C-alpha atoms as a PDB file:
ATOM      1  CA  UNK A   1    -200.175 101.583 113.592  1.00  0.00           C
ATOM      2  CA  UNK A   2    -200.922 104.386 115.562  1.00  0.00           C
ATOM      3  CA  UNK A   3    -198.192 106.175 117.852  1.00  0.00           C
ATOM      4  CA  UNK A   4    -201.260 105.664 120.493  1.00  0.00           C
ATOM      5  CA  UNK A   5    -200.534 103.040 123.188  1.00  0.00           C
ATOM      6  CA  UNK A   6    -202.174 100.171 122.601  1.00  0.00           C
ATOM      7  CA  UNK A   7    -202.379  96.570 124.771  1.00  0.00           C
ATOM      8  CA  UNK A   8    -202.442  93.460 122.870  1.00  0.00           C
ATOM      9  CA  UNK A   9    -205.894  92.044 123.916  1.00  0.00           C
ATOM     10  CA  UNK A  10    -208.873  93.537 124.074  1.00  0.00           C
ATOM     11  CA  UNK A  11    -211.525  93.685 127.234  1.00  0.00           C
ATOM     12  CA  UNK A  12    -214.371  94.397 124.651  1.00  0.00           C
ATOM     13  CA  UNK A  13    -215.641  92.800 121.402  1.00  0.00           C
ATOM     14  CA  UNK A  14    -218.242  93.121 118.656  1.00  0.00           C
ATOM     15  CA  UNK A  15    -220.253  90.415 117.403  1.00  0.00           C
ATOM     16  CA  UNK A  16    -223.233  90.164 114.668  1.00  0.00           C
ATOM     17  CA  UNK A  17    -225.874  87.783 114.795  1.00  0.00           C
ATOM     18  CA  UNK A  18    -225.923  84.972 112.028  1.00  0.00           C
ATOM     19  CA  UNK A  19    -229.402  85.945 110.759  1.00  0.00           C
ATOM     20  CA  UNK A  20    -228.546  84.762 106.931  1.00  0.00           C
ATOM     21  CA  UNK A  21    -226.134  81.919 107.617  1.00  0.00           C
ATOM     22  CA  UNK A  22    -225.478  79.311 104.938  1.00  0.00           C
ATOM     23  CA  UNK A  23    -223.325  77.737 102.848  1.00  0.00           C
ATOM     24  CA  UNK A  24    -221.284  80.448 100.557  1.00  0.00           C
ATOM     25  CA  UNK A  25    -220.248  78.872  97.158  1.00  0.00           C
ATOM     26  CA  UNK A  26    -218.482  82.268  96.441  1.00  0.00           C
ATOM     27  CA  UNK A  27    -216.153  81.864  99.243  1.00  0.00           C
ATOM     28  CA  UNK A  28    -215.766  77.947  99.466  1.00  0.00           C
ATOM     29  CA  UNK A  29    -213.217  77.941  96.042  1.00  0.00           C
ATOM     30  CA  UNK A  30    -210.718  79.543  98.571  1.00  0.00           C
ATOM     31  CA  UNK A  31    -211.883  77.887 102.211  1.00  0.00           C
ATOM     32  CA  UNK A  32    -211.529  74.289 102.127  1.00  0.00           C
ATOM     33  CA  UNK A  33    -213.025  74.248 105.777  1.00  0.00           C
ATOM     34  CA  UNK A  34    -216.427  74.953 104.335  1.00  0.00           C
ATOM     35  CA  UNK A  35    -218.660  71.990 103.683  1.00  0.00           C
ATOM     36  CA  UNK A  36    -222.438  72.011 102.195  1.00  0.00           C
ATOM     37  CA  UNK A  37    -225.097  70.674 104.485  1.00  0.00           C
ATOM     38  CA  UNK A  38    -228.570  69.878 103.855  1.00  0.00           C
ATOM     39  CA  UNK A  39    -230.152  71.097 106.924  1.00  0.00           C
ATOM     40  CA  UNK A  40    -233.443  73.288 107.275  1.00  0.00           C
ATOM     41  CA  UNK A  41    -232.358  73.740 110.861  1.00  0.00           C
ATOM     42  CA  UNK A  42    -229.292  75.352 110.073  1.00  0.00           C
ATOM     43  CA  UNK A  43    -229.824  78.973 111.284  1.00  0.00           C
ATOM     44  CA  UNK A  44    -231.380  77.781 114.068  1.00  0.00           C
ATOM     45  CA  UNK A  45    -228.228  75.937 114.927  1.00  0.00           C
ATOM     46  CA  UNK A  46    -225.800  78.954 114.173  1.00  0.00           C
ATOM     47  CA  UNK A  47    -228.068  81.109 116.266  1.00  0.00           C
ATOM     48  CA  UNK A  48    -227.995  78.634 119.144  1.00  0.00           C
ATOM     49  CA  UNK A  49    -224.088  78.526 118.992  1.00  0.00           C
ATOM     50  CA  UNK A  50    -224.163  82.057 118.678  1.00  0.00           C
ATOM     51  CA  UNK A  51    -225.883  82.680 121.734  1.00  0.00           C
ATOM     52  CA  UNK A  52    -223.603  79.830 124.015  1.00  0.00           C
ATOM     53  CA  UNK A  53    -220.592  82.220 122.619  1.00  0.00           C
ATOM     54  CA  UNK A  54    -222.669  85.225 124.095  1.00  0.00           C
ATOM     55  CA  UNK A  55    -222.977  83.538 127.415  1.00  0.00           C
ATOM     56  CA  UNK A  56    -219.335  82.446 127.651  1.00  0.00           C
ATOM     57  CA  UNK A  57    -218.394  85.724 127.322  1.00  0.00           C
ATOM     58  CA  UNK A  58    -220.798  87.430 129.755  1.00  0.00           C
ATOM     59  CA  UNK A  59    -219.846  84.611 132.219  1.00  0.00           C
ATOM     60  CA  UNK A  60    -216.071  86.025 132.072  1.00  0.00           C
ATOM     61  CA  UNK A  61    -217.131  89.620 132.345  1.00  0.00           C
ATOM     62  CA  UNK A  62    -215.861  90.467 128.510  1.00  0.00           C
ATOM     63  CA  UNK A  63    -217.681  93.349 127.076  1.00  0.00           C
ATOM     64  CA  UNK A  64    -219.922  92.714 124.546  1.00  0.00           C
ATOM     65  CA  UNK A  65    -221.615  95.071 122.049  1.00  0.00           C
ATOM     66  CA  UNK A  66    -223.858  93.084 119.367  1.00  0.00           C
ATOM     67  CA  UNK A  67    -224.597  95.138 116.079  1.00  0.00           C
ATOM     68  CA  UNK A  68    -227.688  94.471 113.724  1.00  0.00           C
ATOM     69  CA  UNK A  69    -226.432  92.793 110.066  1.00  0.00           C
ATOM     70  CA  UNK A  70    -226.367  95.446 107.616  1.00  0.00           C
ATOM     71  CA  UNK A  71    -227.777  92.634 105.316  1.00  0.00           C
ATOM     72  CA  UNK A  72    -229.686  90.477 107.150  1.00  0.00           C
ATOM     73  CA  UNK A  73    -229.309  87.674 104.362  1.00  0.00           C
ATOM     74  CA  UNK A  74    -225.346  87.585 104.254  1.00  0.00           C
ATOM     75  CA  UNK A  75    -224.259  84.100 104.585  1.00  0.00           C
ATOM     76  CA  UNK A  76    -221.147  84.946 106.399  1.00  0.00           C
ATOM     77  CA  UNK A  77    -222.249  87.777 108.384  1.00  0.00           C
ATOM     78  CA  UNK A  78    -221.299  86.174 111.653  1.00  0.00           C
ATOM     79  CA  UNK A  79    -217.667  87.055 110.937  1.00  0.00           C
ATOM     80  CA  UNK A  80    -217.522  90.713 111.275  1.00  0.00           C
ATOM     81  CA  UNK A  81    -213.850  90.632 112.241  1.00  0.00           C
ATOM     82  CA  UNK A  82    -212.944  90.181 108.473  1.00  0.00           C
ATOM     83  CA  UNK A  83    -214.867  93.690 107.325  1.00  0.00           C
ATOM     84  CA  UNK A  84    -213.775  95.955 109.908  1.00  0.00           C
ATOM     85  CA  UNK A  85    -211.277  96.366 112.817  1.00  0.00           C
ATOM     86  CA  UNK A  86    -211.120  99.154 115.693  1.00  0.00           C
ATOM     87  CA  UNK A  87    -208.137 100.575 117.345  1.00  0.00           C
ATOM     88  CA  UNK A  88    -207.061 102.772 120.465  1.00  0.00           C
ATOM     89  CA  UNK A  89    -206.539 105.689 118.630  1.00  0.00           C
ATOM     90  CA  UNK A  90    -210.282 105.977 117.621  1.00  0.00           C
ATOM     91  CA  UNK A  91    -209.643 104.513 114.005  1.00  0.00           C
ATOM     92  CA  UNK A  92    -211.849 102.180 112.400  1.00  0.00           C
ATOM     93  CA  UNK A  93    -210.752 100.592 109.632  1.00  0.00           C
ATOM     94  CA  UNK A  94    -212.860  99.163 106.655  1.00  0.00           C
ATOM     95  CA  UNK A  95    -211.432  96.201 104.484  1.00  0.00           C
ATOM     96  CA  UNK A  96    -211.228  94.983 100.944  1.00  0.00           C
ATOM     97  CA  UNK A  97    -213.205  91.640 100.556  1.00  0.00           C
ATOM     98  CA  UNK A  98    -212.613  89.291  97.573  1.00  0.00           C
ATOM     99  CA  UNK A  99    -216.260  87.874  97.374  1.00  0.00           C
ATOM    100  CA  UNK A 100    -219.407  90.201  96.441  1.00  0.00           C
ATOM    101  CA  UNK A 101    -221.389  88.341  98.884  1.00  0.00           C
ATOM    102  CA  UNK A 102    -218.932  89.319 101.801  1.00  0.00           C
ATOM    103  CA  UNK A 103    -218.972  92.942 100.501  1.00  0.00           C
ATOM    104  CA  UNK A 104    -222.817  93.003 101.430  1.00  0.00           C
ATOM    105  CA  UNK A 105    -221.789  92.623 104.924  1.00  0.00           C
ATOM    106  CA  UNK A 106    -220.187  95.939 105.391  1.00  0.00           C
ATOM    107  CA  UNK A 107    -222.215  98.861 106.891  1.00  0.00           C
ATOM    108  CA  UNK A 108    -220.795 101.888 105.332  1.00  0.00           C
ATOM    109  CA  UNK A 109    -221.900 104.098 108.533  1.00  0.00           C
ATOM    110  CA  UNK A 110    -220.471 101.681 110.999  1.00  0.00           C
ATOM    111  CA  UNK A 111    -218.461 104.816 112.897  1.00  0.00           C
ATOM    112  CA  UNK A 112    -221.910 106.505 113.313  1.00  0.00           C
ATOM    113  CA  UNK A 113    -223.072 102.965 114.448  1.00  0.00           C
ATOM    114  CA  UNK A 114    -220.441 102.746 116.996  1.00  0.00           C
ATOM    115  CA  UNK A 115    -220.684 106.225 118.275  1.00  0.00           C
ATOM    116  CA  UNK A 116    -224.199 105.502 118.950  1.00  0.00           C
ATOM    117  CA  UNK A 117    -223.124 102.394 121.043  1.00  0.00           C
ATOM    118  CA  UNK A 118    -220.880 104.786 123.429  1.00  0.00           C
ATOM    119  CA  UNK A 119    -217.561 104.302 121.396  1.00  0.00           C
ATOM    120  CA  UNK A 120    -215.525 107.557 120.231  1.00  0.00           C
ATOM    121  CA  UNK A 121    -214.401 106.889 116.547  1.00  0.00           C
ATOM    122  CA  UNK A 122    -211.883 109.644 115.656  1.00  0.00           C
ATOM    123  CA  UNK A 123    -211.469 108.563 111.776  1.00  0.00           C
ATOM    124  CA  UNK A 124    -212.805 105.961 109.395  1.00  0.00           C
ATOM    125  CA  UNK A 125    -209.910 104.509 106.916  1.00  0.00           C
ATOM    126  CA  UNK A 126    -211.894 102.837 104.154  1.00  0.00           C
ATOM    127  CA  UNK A 127    -209.457 100.580 101.944  1.00  0.00           C
ATOM    128  CA  UNK A 128    -212.566  98.775  99.978  1.00  0.00           C
ATOM    129  CA  UNK A 129    -211.597 100.654  96.783  1.00  0.00           C
ATOM    130  CA  UNK A 130    -208.524  98.154  96.399  1.00  0.00           C
ATOM    131  CA  UNK A 131    -211.073  95.806  95.387  1.00  0.00           C
ATOM    132  CA  UNK A 132    -211.222  97.555  92.010  1.00  0.00           C
ATOM    133  CA  UNK A 133    -207.752  96.231  91.412  1.00  0.00           C
ATOM    134  CA  UNK A 134    -208.262  92.926  92.815  1.00  0.00           C
ATOM    135  CA  UNK A 135    -206.240  93.458  95.950  1.00  0.00           C
ATOM    136  CA  UNK A 136    -207.916  92.239  98.940  1.00  0.00           C
ATOM    137  CA  UNK A 137    -207.001  92.277 102.865  1.00  0.00           C
ATOM    138  CA  UNK A 138    -210.056  90.801 105.008  1.00  0.00           C
ATOM    139  CA  UNK A 139    -209.467  92.334 108.232  1.00  0.00           C
ATOM    140  CA  UNK A 140    -208.163  90.281 111.427  1.00  0.00           C
ATOM    141  CA  UNK A 141    -208.602  87.230 109.371  1.00  0.00           C
ATOM    142  CA  UNK A 142    -206.141  88.058 106.947  1.00  0.00           C
ATOM    143  CA  UNK A 143    -204.181  90.148 109.352  1.00  0.00           C
ATOM    144  CA  UNK A 144    -202.720  89.081 112.551  1.00  0.00           C
ATOM    145  CA  UNK A 145    -201.494  91.842 114.789  1.00  0.00           C
ATOM    146  CA  UNK A 146    -199.373  92.334 117.592  1.00  0.00           C
ATOM    147  CA  UNK A 147    -200.946  95.616 118.689  1.00  0.00           C
ATOM    148  CA  UNK A 148    -198.040  96.381 121.411  1.00  0.00           C
ATOM    149  CA  UNK A 149    -195.196  96.110 118.754  1.00  0.00           C
ATOM    150  CA  UNK A 150    -196.800  97.405 115.652  1.00  0.00           C
ATOM    151  CA  UNK A 151    -196.382  94.160 113.929  1.00  0.00           C
ATOM    152  CA  UNK A 152    -198.888  92.732 111.476  1.00  0.00           C
ATOM    153  CA  UNK A 153    -198.688  89.211 110.262  1.00  0.00           C
ATOM    154  CA  UNK A 154    -200.103  88.183 107.034  1.00  0.00           C
ATOM    155  CA  UNK A 155    -200.233  85.010 105.034  1.00  0.00           C
ATOM    156  CA  UNK A 156    -200.326  85.811 101.483  1.00  0.00           C
ATOM    157  CA  UNK A 157    -203.553  84.102  99.673  1.00  0.00           C
ATOM    158  CA  UNK A 158    -206.282  85.229  97.330  1.00  0.00           C
ATOM    159  CA  UNK A 159    -207.786  86.944 100.251  1.00  0.00           C
ATOM    160  CA  UNK A 160    -204.524  88.578 101.160  1.00  0.00           C
ATOM    161  CA  UNK A 161    -202.600  90.843  98.917  1.00  0.00           C
ATOM    162  CA  UNK A 162    -198.977  92.314  99.613  1.00  0.00           C
ATOM    163  CA  UNK A 163    -200.395  95.328  98.355  1.00  0.00           C
ATOM    164  CA  UNK A 164    -203.249  95.350 100.888  1.00  0.00           C
ATOM    165  CA  UNK A 165    -200.826  94.644 103.657  1.00  0.00           C
ATOM    166  CA  UNK A 166    -198.457  97.524 102.841  1.00  0.00           C
ATOM    167  CA  UNK A 167    -201.676  99.726 102.362  1.00  0.00           C
ATOM    168  CA  UNK A 168    -202.450  98.714 105.864  1.00  0.00           C
ATOM    169  CA  UNK A 169    -199.299  99.521 107.366  1.00  0.00           C
ATOM    170  CA  UNK A 170    -199.021 103.226 105.806  1.00  0.00           C
ATOM    171  CA  UNK A 171    -202.509 104.086 107.257  1.00  0.00           C
ATOM    172  CA  UNK A 172    -201.245 102.404 110.768  1.00  0.00           C
ATOM    173  CA  UNK A 173    -197.756 103.113 110.842  1.00  0.00           C
ATOM    174  CA  UNK A 174    -197.088  99.195 111.084  1.00  0.00           C
ATOM    175  CA  UNK A 175    -194.706  96.775 110.151  1.00  0.00           C
ATOM    176  CA  UNK A 176    -195.472  93.988 107.576  1.00  0.00           C
ATOM    177  CA  UNK A 177    -194.742  90.228 108.314  1.00  0.00           C
ATOM    178  CA  UNK A 178    -195.689  88.550 105.186  1.00  0.00           C
ATOM    179  CA  UNK A 179    -194.992  84.989 104.713  1.00  0.00           C
ATOM    180  CA  UNK A 180    -196.305  81.817 102.383  1.00  0.00           C
ATOM    181  CA  UNK A 181    -198.583  78.833 104.035  1.00  0.00           C
ATOM    182  CA  UNK A 182    -200.364  76.107 102.904  1.00  0.00           C
ATOM    183  CA  UNK A 183    -203.098  73.280 104.125  1.00  0.00           C
ATOM    184  CA  UNK A 184    -200.582  70.916 103.773  1.00  0.00           C
ATOM    185  CA  UNK A 185    -197.202  72.660 104.152  1.00  0.00           C
ATOM    186  CA  UNK A 186    -196.248  71.927 100.618  1.00  0.00           C
ATOM    187  CA  UNK A 187    -195.136  74.444  97.794  1.00  0.00           C
ATOM    188  CA  UNK A 188    -197.907  73.252  95.880  1.00  0.00           C
ATOM    189  CA  UNK A 189    -200.514  72.944  98.366  1.00  0.00           C
ATOM    190  CA  UNK A 190    -203.869  75.218  98.562  1.00  0.00           C
ATOM    191  CA  UNK A 191    -202.926  78.769 100.347  1.00  0.00           C
ATOM    192  CA  UNK A 192    -204.050  79.049 103.562  1.00  0.00           C
ATOM    193  CA  UNK A 193    -206.837  81.553 103.342  1.00  0.00           C
ATOM    194  CA  UNK A 194    -206.744  83.653 106.419  1.00  0.00           C
ATOM    195  CA  UNK A 195    -203.778  83.676 108.694  1.00  0.00           C
ATOM    196  CA  UNK A 196    -206.095  83.797 112.074  1.00  0.00           C
ATOM    197  CA  UNK A 197    -206.503  80.011 110.949  1.00  0.00           C
ATOM    198  CA  UNK A 198    -202.910  79.011 111.456  1.00  0.00           C
ATOM    199  CA  UNK A 199    -201.753  81.543 114.177  1.00  0.00           C
ATOM    200  CA  UNK A 200    -202.952  83.447 117.526  1.00  0.00           C
ATOM    201  CA  UNK A 201    -200.969  86.176 119.178  1.00  0.00           C
ATOM    202  CA  UNK A 202    -201.617  86.863 122.883  1.00  0.00           C
ATOM    203  CA  UNK A 203    -200.508  89.211 125.117  1.00  0.00           C
ATOM    204  CA  UNK A 204    -197.516  86.832 126.491  1.00  0.00           C
ATOM    205  CA  UNK A 205    -197.891  83.759 123.934  1.00  0.00           C
ATOM    206  CA  UNK A 206    -198.150  83.154 120.335  1.00  0.00           C
ATOM    207  CA  UNK A 207    -199.951  79.947 119.089  1.00  0.00           C
ATOM    208  CA  UNK A 208    -198.548  79.088 115.459  1.00  0.00           C
ATOM    209  CA  UNK A 209    -198.404  76.483 112.847  1.00  0.00           C
ATOM    210  CA  UNK A 210    -194.919  76.740 111.785  1.00  0.00           C
ATOM    211  CA  UNK A 211    -195.450  73.802 109.965  1.00  0.00           C
ATOM    212  CA  UNK A 212    -197.577  75.134 107.654  1.00  0.00           C
ATOM    213  CA  UNK A 213    -195.023  77.596 105.721  1.00  0.00           C
ATOM    214  CA  UNK A 214    -193.343  75.371 103.217  1.00  0.00           C
ATOM    215  CA  UNK A 215    -190.115  78.050 103.189  1.00  0.00           C
ATOM    216  CA  UNK A 216    -188.130  77.714 105.852  1.00  0.00           C
ATOM    217  CA  UNK A 217    -186.994  81.408 105.723  1.00  0.00           C
ATOM    218  CA  UNK A 218    -190.479  82.153 106.655  1.00  0.00           C
ATOM    219  CA  UNK A 219    -190.780  79.916 109.284  1.00  0.00           C
ATOM    220  CA  UNK A 220    -187.691  81.282 110.562  1.00  0.00           C
ATOM    221  CA  UNK A 221    -188.655  84.913 110.381  1.00  0.00           C
ATOM    222  CA  UNK A 222    -192.033  84.290 111.901  1.00  0.00           C
ATOM    223  CA  UNK A 223    -190.599  82.499 114.972  1.00  0.00           C
ATOM    224  CA  UNK A 224    -187.958  85.048 115.174  1.00  0.00           C
ATOM    225  CA  UNK A 225    -190.210  88.079 115.337  1.00  0.00           C
ATOM    226  CA  UNK A 226    -192.674  86.370 117.626  1.00  0.00           C
ATOM    227  CA  UNK A 227    -189.699  85.771 120.089  1.00  0.00           C
ATOM    228  CA  UNK A 228    -188.128  89.272 119.780  1.00  0.00           C
ATOM    229  CA  UNK A 229    -191.553  90.294 121.103  1.00  0.00           C
ATOM    230  CA  UNK A 230    -191.051  88.102 124.315  1.00  0.00           C
ATOM    231  CA  UNK A 231    -193.829  85.797 123.710  1.00  0.00           C
ATOM    232  CA  UNK A 232    -194.195  81.908 124.813  1.00  0.00           C
ATOM    233  CA  UNK A 233    -194.473  80.411 121.080  1.00  0.00           C
ATOM    234  CA  UNK A 234    -196.701  77.730 121.514  1.00  0.00           C
ATOM    235  CA  UNK A 235    -196.241  75.135 118.117  1.00  0.00           C
ATOM    236  CA  UNK A 236    -199.318  73.860 116.868  1.00  0.00           C
ATOM    237  CA  UNK A 237    -199.320  70.730 114.057  1.00  0.00           C
ATOM    238  CA  UNK A 238    -201.011  70.859 110.590  1.00  0.00           C
ATOM    239  CA  UNK A 239    -203.613  68.412 111.963  1.00  0.00           C
ATOM    240  CA  UNK A 240    -204.234  70.539 114.639  1.00  0.00           C
ATOM    241  CA  UNK A 241    -204.682  73.405 112.384  1.00  0.00           C
ATOM    242  CA  UNK A 242    -207.168  71.858 110.522  1.00  0.00           C
ATOM    243  CA  UNK A 243    -209.183  71.383 113.854  1.00  0.00           C
ATOM    244  CA  UNK A 244    -208.675  75.409 114.219  1.00  0.00           C
ATOM    245  CA  UNK A 245    -206.385  75.223 117.060  1.00  0.00           C
ATOM    246  CA  UNK A 246    -204.748  78.591 115.602  1.00  0.00           C
ATOM    247  CA  UNK A 247    -208.334  80.482 115.515  1.00  0.00           C
ATOM    248  CA  UNK A 248    -208.517  81.233 119.345  1.00  0.00           C
ATOM    249  CA  UNK A 249    -208.260  84.895 120.838  1.00  0.00           C
ATOM    250  CA  UNK A 250    -207.206  85.936 124.302  1.00  0.00           C
ATOM    251  CA  UNK A 251    -209.556  88.516 125.962  1.00  0.00           C
ATOM    252  CA  UNK A 252    -209.610  90.298 129.504  1.00  0.00           C
ATOM    253  CA  UNK A 253    -212.799  89.590 131.478  1.00  0.00           C
ATOM    254  CA  UNK A 254    -213.790  90.778 134.767  1.00  0.00           C
ATOM    255  CA  UNK A 255    -211.530  92.032 137.229  1.00  0.00           C
ATOM    256  CA  UNK A 256    -208.545  91.880 134.755  1.00  0.00           C
ATOM    257  CA  UNK A 257    -208.603  88.005 134.454  1.00  0.00           C
ATOM    258  CA  UNK A 258    -207.412  86.583 131.497  1.00  0.00           C
ATOM    259  CA  UNK A 259    -209.283  84.340 129.154  1.00  0.00           C
ATOM    260  CA  UNK A 260    -208.588  82.138 125.752  1.00  0.00           C
ATOM    261  CA  UNK A 261    -211.822  81.727 123.836  1.00  0.00           C
ATOM    262  CA  UNK A 262    -211.485  78.975 121.012  1.00  0.00           C
ATOM    263  CA  UNK A 263    -213.988  76.169 119.802  1.00  0.00           C
ATOM    264  CA  UNK A 264    -214.779  72.655 121.602  1.00  0.00           C
ATOM    265  CA  UNK A 265    -212.959  71.281 118.092  1.00  0.00           C
ATOM    266  CA  UNK A 266    -209.993  73.276 119.103  1.00  0.00           C
ATOM    267  CA  UNK A 267    -210.054  72.187 122.606  1.00  0.00           C
ATOM    268  CA  UNK A 268    -210.437  68.506 122.252  1.00  0.00           C
ATOM    269  CA  UNK A 269    -207.193  67.975 120.113  1.00  0.00           C
ATOM    270  CA  UNK A 270    -204.945  69.965 122.159  1.00  0.00           C
ATOM    271  CA  UNK A 271    -201.720  68.173 123.845  1.00  0.00           C
ATOM    272  CA  UNK A 272    -201.578  67.851 127.604  1.00  0.00           C
ATOM    273  CA  UNK A 273    -198.443  70.149 127.464  1.00  0.00           C
ATOM    274  CA  UNK A 274    -199.913  72.707 125.006  1.00  0.00           C
ATOM    275  CA  UNK A 275    -202.764  73.060 127.535  1.00  0.00           C
ATOM    276  CA  UNK A 276    -200.700  73.634 130.258  1.00  0.00           C
ATOM    277  CA  UNK A 277    -198.670  76.261 128.174  1.00  0.00           C
ATOM    278  CA  UNK A 278    -201.819  77.843 127.181  1.00  0.00           C
ATOM    279  CA  UNK A 279    -203.093  77.835 130.905  1.00  0.00           C
ATOM    280  CA  UNK A 280    -200.326  80.028 131.668  1.00  0.00           C
ATOM    281  CA  UNK A 281    -201.703  82.905 130.164  1.00  0.00           C
ATOM    282  CA  UNK A 282    -205.362  82.281 130.694  1.00  0.00           C
ATOM    283  CA  UNK A 283    -208.133  80.336 131.364  1.00  0.00           C
ATOM    284  CA  UNK A 284    -208.986  78.127 128.302  1.00  0.00           C
ATOM    285  CA  UNK A 285    -212.953  78.975 127.677  1.00  0.00           C
ATOM    286  CA  UNK A 286    -213.886  76.320 124.959  1.00  0.00           C
ATOM    287  CA  UNK A 287    -217.243  77.068 123.304  1.00  0.00           C
ATOM    288  CA  UNK A 288    -219.203  74.872 120.752  1.00  0.00           C
ATOM    289  CA  UNK A 289    -219.654  76.058 117.378  1.00  0.00           C
ATOM    290  CA  UNK A 290    -219.451  72.910 114.983  1.00  0.00           C
ATOM    291  CA  UNK A 291    -222.446  73.997 112.589  1.00  0.00           C
ATOM    292  CA  UNK A 292    -220.544  77.317 112.043  1.00  0.00           C
ATOM    293  CA  UNK A 293    -217.352  75.808 111.784  1.00  0.00           C
ATOM    294  CA  UNK A 294    -218.681  73.008 109.221  1.00  0.00           C
ATOM    295  CA  UNK A 295    -220.943  75.493 107.003  1.00  0.00           C
ATOM    296  CA  UNK A 296    -219.135  78.868 107.535  1.00  0.00           C
ATOM    297  CA  UNK A 297    -215.408  77.561 107.418  1.00  0.00           C
ATOM    298  CA  UNK A 298    -214.747  79.721 110.647  1.00  0.00           C
ATOM    299  CA  UNK A 299    -214.445  79.277 114.427  1.00  0.00           C
ATOM    300  CA  UNK A 300    -214.819  81.363 117.562  1.00  0.00           C
ATOM    301  CA  UNK A 301    -211.776  83.928 116.761  1.00  0.00           C
ATOM    302  CA  UNK A 302    -213.600  84.910 113.531  1.00  0.00           C
ATOM    303  CA  UNK A 303    -217.133  85.543 115.041  1.00  0.00           C
ATOM    304  CA  UNK A 304    -215.029  88.008 117.767  1.00  0.00           C
ATOM    305  CA  UNK A 305    -214.321  91.906 116.546  1.00  0.00           C
ATOM    306  CA  UNK A 306    -212.073  93.297 119.251  1.00  0.00           C
ATOM    307  CA  UNK A 307    -213.321  96.595 120.054  1.00  0.00           C
ATOM    308  CA  UNK A 308    -210.357  99.048 121.350  1.00  0.00           C
ATOM    309  CA  UNK A 309    -212.196 102.034 120.756  1.00  0.00           C
ATOM    310  CA  UNK A 310    -212.160 104.363 123.557  1.00  0.00           C
ATOM    311  CA  UNK A 311    -215.739 105.418 125.345  1.00  0.00           C
ATOM    312  CA  UNK A 312    -217.597 108.561 124.786  1.00  0.00           C
ATOM    313  CA  UNK A 313    -217.530 110.554 127.828  1.00  0.00           C
ATOM    314  CA  UNK A 314    -220.855 110.687 129.778  1.00  0.00           C
ATOM    315  CA  UNK A 315    -222.788 114.021 129.739  1.00  0.00           C
ATOM    316  CA  UNK A 316    -222.266 115.375 133.150  1.00  0.00           C
END
């Protein structure tokens, strides 16, 4: 990762409205969370859930930028963290996506768009050409970053290639932590499609489903690396992973307060002791996104692209 110092958690986020929201058969083969639902009001329900998340962010004082989608009809456009990421040194990274439907989400002028919104972009790194070799890396879905320690955790899957991970680490001076994880924790199980389904790294905590890792060496390596980072490890079960508990995100709000955003689905399956552990690191903010979870196969964290870019100086 960049040699510029970078805090682990963001004070600002970027969201994209779900204008084309719907079931995507192209992504469903690798995402078992997706469910086809016949409902003419799907987009209206997704818009209402999106607005609910915006309201929760506003109440907590988290800075928000809402961008127009590059393709109004992209079914997964509400999950921008998969196609770009931002970094404190002014880097914007654009990612290789596995399916054509998701490639439609990318805005090739994202650097200019963010500049127009008042942020400073010093370089654009575009890894999307890796798609030509079937090498994919779907942003901070594929990567769970410890930005202070320059660590990139990655669950290898059809959407997360080791080659893509290495390219990212070369570009960003990062250290890769690849591992295997499956939906049922067995060697023959379906791979977990995105790393941020099973783990989240906050400022001083990490929620992780070690039970999804069939190889003991992976479980040991991931836990040891997290503990070396000085974070409190909050174990979650396979059932909780399936309820999106791993898909949470810690953010900084008004007056430096810490908040942990997660879905109502995830909040409702937390055990009392887990809630107590997490509440040491911030107020839990559950947001109801059942339509986006069921049809889109992603939850609250997937809807939030962290914004670490520096602000452009205002004219005198």
